[in-house]
């Protein structure tokens, strides 16, 4: 069976007027199966949001995108980001980070959902209103709130409305960029539960972008960890949690609060590298507690370390390295 989406050798760089090129995404390759829930994890600045904005064709004018985005057997990036436009919201849609930023503050939530339908599908006013009613019910918003303005809704309700708008044209793939940002823990859990239920009920494939590994564990079955614009480990979620094969992945999980309190939280010293300079060797080396001989000079390749599990670390494949 063909994947719902394939990304091959995706590169994104930004050409700056007053400085060097910023290479934000480097040689990204991954696939998304129909109905699968896939996570992209990593610290801020690792290229996660740039990746999904590239998939949607929503990058700024100074961005250059190279590689292939295969949807339904066709490369929808073949003539640049403009070729993605016919697929936007119809086949692929997005929930942006911070629902307040998704809405026009002077228009009602219901009218903006209707507008999304009008922009992408021929329809009558009556059918749009009916579809909007169905969507609001689907995400758990009372119909009485369809004429509310965004600021009149709570953060959780706004996020539900953003989900409704993203599903307006029945896409097969939903990209969710930190959909629980700035929500309290109980509301976060409700939104993630809703996302899973919608994915199951609608056979919806989901890419969840997050730095919250607990959220990823609630939603996803497979994930990729990004660092410095690259995928440094990917595979089934159980493998990443229980058998991480890259020091960065291991440290990310050790730095995640555990409700059972199994030990002190770890921390990762330093910061991700600047992306406007050439990277020599392993990009994680300056922060890595396990760096050794080849790390400063040899860039690690993403290699198989198990069934459907890959990692880019010299500890997994360099002569003399311990695993």
Protein backbone atom coordinates (compact mmCIF):
# COMPACT_ATOMS: atom_id res chain seq x y z
CA UNK A 1 0.00 0.00 0.00
CA UNK A 2 1.33 3.44 -0.93
CA UNK A 3 2.03 5.90 1.90
CA UNK A 4 -0.40 8.80 2.24
CA UNK A 5 2.56 11.18 2.05
CA UNK A 6 6.24 10.80 1.27
CA UNK A 7 8.86 13.44 1.92
CA UNK A 8 12.17 12.88 0.14
CA UNK A 9 15.37 14.86 0.63
CA UNK A 10 13.51 17.99 1.74
CA UNK A 11 15.74 21.02 2.19
CA UNK A 12 14.65 24.51 3.22
CA UNK A 13 16.90 27.52 3.44
CA UNK A 14 16.24 31.21 3.91
CA UNK A 15 18.12 33.82 1.87
CA UNK A 16 18.76 36.80 4.12
CA UNK A 17 19.32 40.34 2.79
CA UNK A 18 21.87 41.21 5.44
CA UNK A 19 23.49 37.93 6.29
CA UNK A 20 24.36 34.36 5.30
CA UNK A 21 21.85 31.74 4.17
CA UNK A 22 20.02 29.98 7.03
CA UNK A 23 19.72 26.26 6.22
CA UNK A 24 16.74 25.36 8.42
CA UNK A 25 15.85 21.85 7.14
CA UNK A 26 18.42 19.41 5.78
CA UNK A 27 17.78 16.29 3.70
CA UNK A 28 14.59 15.26 5.48
CA UNK A 29 13.09 11.95 4.36
CA UNK A 30 10.09 10.28 5.97
CA UNK A 31 6.70 8.80 5.07
CA UNK A 32 3.21 8.91 6.55
CA UNK A 33 0.86 5.97 6.20
CA UNK A 34 -2.89 6.42 5.72
CA UNK A 35 -4.51 6.85 9.12
CA UNK A 36 -1.16 6.95 10.93
CA UNK A 37 -0.35 9.36 13.76
CA UNK A 38 3.28 10.47 13.36
CA UNK A 39 5.25 12.78 15.64
CA UNK A 40 7.99 15.32 14.93
CA UNK A 41 9.80 16.09 18.19
CA UNK A 42 12.70 18.26 19.27
CA UNK A 43 13.64 21.55 20.88
CA UNK A 44 12.58 24.92 19.52
CA UNK A 45 14.71 25.88 16.53
CA UNK A 46 15.21 22.33 15.25
CA UNK A 47 13.15 22.81 12.06
CA UNK A 48 9.84 21.15 12.96
CA UNK A 49 7.51 24.05 12.14
CA UNK A 50 9.51 24.97 9.04
CA UNK A 51 9.04 21.39 7.83
CA UNK A 52 5.25 21.37 8.06
CA UNK A 53 4.97 24.90 6.68
CA UNK A 54 6.97 23.64 3.69
CA UNK A 55 4.49 20.77 3.29
CA UNK A 56 1.65 23.33 3.21
CA UNK A 57 3.46 25.79 0.95
CA UNK A 58 3.23 28.50 3.60
CA UNK A 59 6.84 29.68 3.87
CA UNK A 60 7.84 33.34 3.38
CA UNK A 61 9.09 34.70 0.08
CA UNK A 62 12.78 34.43 1.03
CA UNK A 63 12.51 30.66 1.57
CA UNK A 64 13.89 28.21 -0.99
CA UNK A 65 12.53 24.65 -0.93
CA UNK A 66 14.12 21.66 -2.64
CA UNK A 67 13.28 17.97 -2.64
CA UNK A 68 10.07 16.04 -3.22
CA UNK A 69 6.70 15.88 -1.49
CA UNK A 70 4.82 12.89 -2.90
CA UNK A 71 1.05 12.88 -2.47
CA UNK A 72 -1.20 10.43 -4.29
CA UNK A 73 1.76 9.34 -6.42
CA UNK A 74 2.57 12.88 -7.60
CA UNK A 75 5.31 15.27 -6.56
CA UNK A 76 3.29 18.29 -5.46
CA UNK A 77 6.50 20.32 -5.12
CA UNK A 78 7.50 19.76 -8.73
CA UNK A 79 7.01 23.39 -9.82
CA UNK A 80 7.57 25.03 -6.44
CA UNK A 81 5.29 25.77 -3.52
CA UNK A 82 2.52 27.09 -5.82
CA UNK A 83 1.82 23.52 -6.93
CA UNK A 84 0.82 22.69 -3.34
CA UNK A 85 -2.03 25.25 -3.38
CA UNK A 86 -4.69 22.97 -4.98
CA UNK A 87 -4.09 20.42 -2.20
CA UNK A 88 -4.13 22.90 0.68
CA UNK A 89 -7.07 22.40 3.06
CA UNK A 90 -8.63 19.84 0.67
CA UNK A 91 -6.02 17.08 1.04
CA UNK A 92 -3.69 18.55 3.66
CA UNK A 93 -4.69 21.01 6.36
CA UNK A 94 -3.05 22.52 9.40
CA UNK A 95 -3.78 23.55 12.97
CA UNK A 96 -1.41 26.38 13.80
CA UNK A 97 0.41 26.94 17.06
CA UNK A 98 -1.76 29.24 19.17
CA UNK A 99 -5.37 29.15 17.99
CA UNK A 100 -5.84 32.90 18.55
CA UNK A 101 -3.39 33.47 15.69
CA UNK A 102 -5.55 31.35 13.37
CA UNK A 103 -8.62 33.57 13.56
CA UNK A 104 -9.53 37.08 12.46
CA UNK A 105 -10.51 38.82 15.71
CA UNK A 106 -13.32 40.85 14.08
CA UNK A 107 -15.16 37.90 12.49
CA UNK A 108 -17.19 35.25 14.24
CA UNK A 109 -15.79 31.74 14.53
CA UNK A 110 -18.67 30.25 12.54
CA UNK A 111 -18.24 32.69 9.66
CA UNK A 112 -14.53 31.87 9.43
CA UNK A 113 -15.20 28.15 9.23
CA UNK A 114 -17.73 28.84 6.48
CA UNK A 115 -15.15 30.98 4.70
CA UNK A 116 -12.69 28.08 4.66
CA UNK A 117 -15.32 25.91 2.95
CA UNK A 118 -16.21 28.66 0.44
CA UNK A 119 -12.55 29.20 -0.46
CA UNK A 120 -11.91 25.58 -1.37
CA UNK A 121 -15.22 23.98 -2.35
CA UNK A 122 -18.18 25.11 -4.47
CA UNK A 123 -21.13 25.23 -2.09
CA UNK A 124 -24.35 27.00 -1.25
CA UNK A 125 -24.75 29.19 1.82
CA UNK A 126 -27.17 26.67 3.32
CA UNK A 127 -24.76 23.77 2.84
CA UNK A 128 -21.90 25.75 4.36
CA UNK A 129 -23.96 26.59 7.42
CA UNK A 130 -25.01 22.95 7.79
CA UNK A 131 -21.41 21.77 7.43
CA UNK A 132 -20.24 24.33 10.01
CA UNK A 133 -22.91 23.14 12.46
CA UNK A 134 -21.78 19.55 11.98
CA UNK A 135 -18.12 20.50 12.51
CA UNK A 136 -18.82 22.41 15.71
CA UNK A 137 -20.77 19.46 17.09
CA UNK A 138 -17.94 17.13 16.04
CA UNK A 139 -15.34 19.00 18.09
CA UNK A 140 -17.62 19.59 21.08
CA UNK A 141 -18.53 23.29 20.70
CA UNK A 142 -22.15 24.21 21.48
CA UNK A 143 -23.97 25.50 18.40
CA UNK A 144 -24.95 28.58 20.41
CA UNK A 145 -21.29 29.63 20.22
CA UNK A 146 -21.05 29.70 16.41
CA UNK A 147 -21.56 33.48 16.43
CA UNK A 148 -18.98 34.09 19.14
CA UNK A 149 -15.84 36.07 18.36
CA UNK A 150 -12.49 34.35 19.01
CA UNK A 151 -11.76 36.39 22.15
CA UNK A 152 -15.09 35.27 23.62
CA UNK A 153 -13.99 31.62 23.64
CA UNK A 154 -11.65 29.97 26.13
CA UNK A 155 -8.27 28.73 24.93
CA UNK A 156 -9.52 25.15 24.75
CA UNK A 157 -12.64 26.15 22.81
CA UNK A 158 -10.56 28.20 20.37
CA UNK A 159 -8.34 25.18 19.78
CA UNK A 160 -11.42 23.04 19.12
CA UNK A 161 -12.65 25.68 16.67
CA UNK A 162 -9.26 25.64 14.93
CA UNK A 163 -9.60 21.87 14.58
CA UNK A 164 -13.09 22.30 13.13
CA UNK A 165 -11.78 24.81 10.59
CA UNK A 166 -8.91 22.49 9.61
CA UNK A 167 -11.39 19.65 8.99
CA UNK A 168 -13.83 21.80 7.01
CA UNK A 169 -13.01 20.27 3.62
CA UNK A 170 -12.46 16.69 4.85
CA UNK A 171 -8.68 16.42 4.33
CA UNK A 172 -6.94 13.09 4.58
CA UNK A 173 -3.89 14.54 6.37
CA UNK A 174 -3.83 16.92 9.32
CA UNK A 175 -0.70 18.75 10.40
CA UNK A 176 -0.89 19.86 14.04
CA UNK A 177 1.76 22.37 15.13
CA UNK A 178 1.99 22.37 18.94
CA UNK A 179 -1.83 22.28 19.23
CA UNK A 180 -1.80 22.42 23.04
CA UNK A 181 0.51 25.41 23.51
CA UNK A 182 -0.47 27.67 26.45
CA UNK A 183 -3.31 25.38 27.57
CA UNK A 184 -3.53 24.00 31.11
CA UNK A 185 -2.86 20.30 31.67
CA UNK A 186 -6.52 19.19 31.80
CA UNK A 187 -7.45 21.08 28.62
CA UNK A 188 -4.33 19.74 26.90
CA UNK A 189 -5.43 16.19 27.69
CA UNK A 190 -8.92 16.90 26.31
CA UNK A 191 -7.55 18.34 23.06
CA UNK A 192 -5.17 15.41 22.56
CA UNK A 193 -7.96 12.92 23.27
CA UNK A 194 -10.14 14.74 20.73
CA UNK A 195 -7.34 14.63 18.16
CA UNK A 196 -6.96 10.87 18.57
CA UNK A 197 -10.73 10.30 18.39
CA UNK A 198 -11.07 12.38 15.23
CA UNK A 199 -8.12 10.60 13.63
CA UNK A 200 -9.68 7.21 14.38
CA UNK A 201 -13.24 8.14 13.40
CA UNK A 202 -12.26 9.90 10.17
CA UNK A 203 -9.31 7.67 9.16
CA UNK A 204 -7.23 10.82 9.37
CA UNK A 205 -3.44 10.75 9.11
CA UNK A 206 -1.81 13.16 11.57
CA UNK A 207 1.62 14.74 11.88
CA UNK A 208 1.97 16.14 15.39
CA UNK A 209 4.73 18.70 15.91
CA UNK A 210 5.69 18.98 19.56
CA UNK A 211 8.45 19.44 22.10
CA UNK A 212 6.17 17.77 24.67
CA UNK A 213 7.08 14.10 24.60
CA UNK A 214 4.18 13.26 26.90
CA UNK A 215 1.77 14.69 24.31
CA UNK A 216 3.51 12.70 21.59
CA UNK A 217 3.11 9.52 23.63
CA UNK A 218 -0.64 10.15 23.97
CA UNK A 219 -1.19 10.63 20.24
CA UNK A 220 1.48 8.99 18.10
CA UNK A 221 2.55 5.47 17.26
CA UNK A 222 5.71 6.45 15.38
CA UNK A 223 7.92 9.51 15.52
CA UNK A 224 11.04 11.27 14.32
CA UNK A 225 13.35 13.36 16.49
CA UNK A 226 14.82 16.44 14.80
CA UNK A 227 17.98 18.33 15.65
CA UNK A 228 19.61 21.17 13.70
CA UNK A 229 17.14 20.68 10.86
CA UNK A 230 17.82 16.96 10.48
CA UNK A 231 16.14 13.75 11.59
CA UNK A 232 18.57 12.16 14.02
CA UNK A 233 16.37 9.23 15.10
CA UNK A 234 13.05 7.78 13.99
CA UNK A 235 11.00 4.67 14.55
CA UNK A 236 8.13 3.17 16.56
CA UNK A 237 7.39 5.18 19.68
CA UNK A 238 8.08 2.23 21.98
CA UNK A 239 11.62 1.96 20.57
CA UNK A 240 12.29 5.66 21.02
CA UNK A 241 11.00 5.60 24.61
CA UNK A 242 12.57 2.37 25.78
CA UNK A 243 15.58 1.88 23.48
CA UNK A 244 16.77 5.30 22.27
CA UNK A 245 19.86 4.98 20.10
CA UNK A 246 20.87 8.63 19.98
CA UNK A 247 22.09 10.56 23.05
CA UNK A 248 19.85 13.52 22.19
CA UNK A 249 16.73 11.35 22.16
CA UNK A 250 17.71 9.78 25.46
CA UNK A 251 18.30 13.17 27.07
CA UNK A 252 14.98 14.52 25.74
CA UNK A 253 13.11 11.71 27.47
CA UNK A 254 15.15 12.06 30.66
CA UNK A 255 14.28 15.77 30.69
CA UNK A 256 10.54 15.03 30.47
CA UNK A 257 8.62 15.18 33.80
CA UNK A 258 7.32 11.77 34.88
CA UNK A 259 4.09 11.51 36.85
CA UNK A 260 5.59 8.56 38.74
CA UNK A 261 8.65 10.60 39.77
CA UNK A 262 11.17 7.91 38.85
CA UNK A 263 14.15 10.18 39.35
CA UNK A 264 15.58 13.68 38.96
CA UNK A 265 15.08 15.42 35.63
CA UNK A 266 18.05 15.56 33.30
CA UNK A 267 18.99 18.67 31.39
CA UNK A 268 20.80 19.26 28.11
CA UNK A 269 23.58 21.83 28.42
CA UNK A 270 24.02 24.48 25.76
CA UNK A 271 21.76 25.32 22.83
CA UNK A 272 21.07 23.98 19.33
CA UNK A 273 23.67 25.17 16.81
CA UNK A 274 23.27 28.22 14.60
CA UNK A 275 21.96 27.26 11.17
CA UNK A 276 23.63 30.11 9.28
CA UNK A 277 27.06 28.51 9.54
CA UNK A 278 28.39 25.26 8.07
CA UNK A 279 28.07 22.31 10.44
CA UNK A 280 31.13 20.07 10.75
CA UNK A 281 30.87 16.54 12.05
CA UNK A 282 27.93 15.62 14.29
CA UNK A 283 25.76 18.68 15.00
CA UNK A 284 25.01 17.45 18.53
CA UNK A 285 28.68 16.89 19.45
CA UNK A 286 29.21 20.14 21.48
CA UNK A 287 26.37 19.12 23.84
CA UNK A 288 26.80 15.35 23.78
CA UNK A 289 28.07 13.48 26.86
CA UNK A 290 29.09 10.52 24.69
CA UNK A 291 31.10 12.30 21.98
CA UNK A 292 34.26 10.50 20.90
CA UNK A 293 36.85 10.32 18.11
CA UNK A 294 34.92 10.69 14.83
CA UNK A 295 32.25 13.10 16.12
CA UNK A 296 34.04 16.42 15.37
CA UNK A 297 34.84 15.52 11.76
CA UNK A 298 32.43 12.85 10.46
CA UNK A 299 28.75 13.55 9.93
CA UNK A 300 26.74 10.50 11.11
CA UNK A 301 24.40 8.84 8.65
CA UNK A 302 20.85 7.75 9.53
CA UNK A 303 21.25 3.96 9.65
CA UNK A 304 19.07 1.04 10.68
CA UNK A 305 19.43 0.04 14.33
CA UNK A 306 16.38 -2.24 14.51
CA UNK A 307 13.13 -3.12 12.83
CA UNK A 308 11.88 0.22 11.40
CA UNK A 309 14.21 2.01 13.82
CA UNK A 310 16.97 4.31 12.53
CA UNK A 311 19.46 6.61 14.21
CA UNK A 312 22.24 8.97 13.14
CA UNK A 313 24.96 8.45 15.76
CA UNK A 314 28.51 7.12 15.48
CA UNK A 315 27.90 5.05 18.61
CA UNK A 316 25.78 2.75 16.42
CA UNK A 317 28.16 2.14 13.60
CA UNK A 318 31.70 3.45 13.98
CA UNK A 319 34.55 0.94 14.62
CA UNK A 320 35.28 0.72 18.32
CA UNK A 321 32.09 2.49 19.36
CA UNK A 322 30.10 1.15 22.29
CA UNK A 323 26.31 0.84 21.91
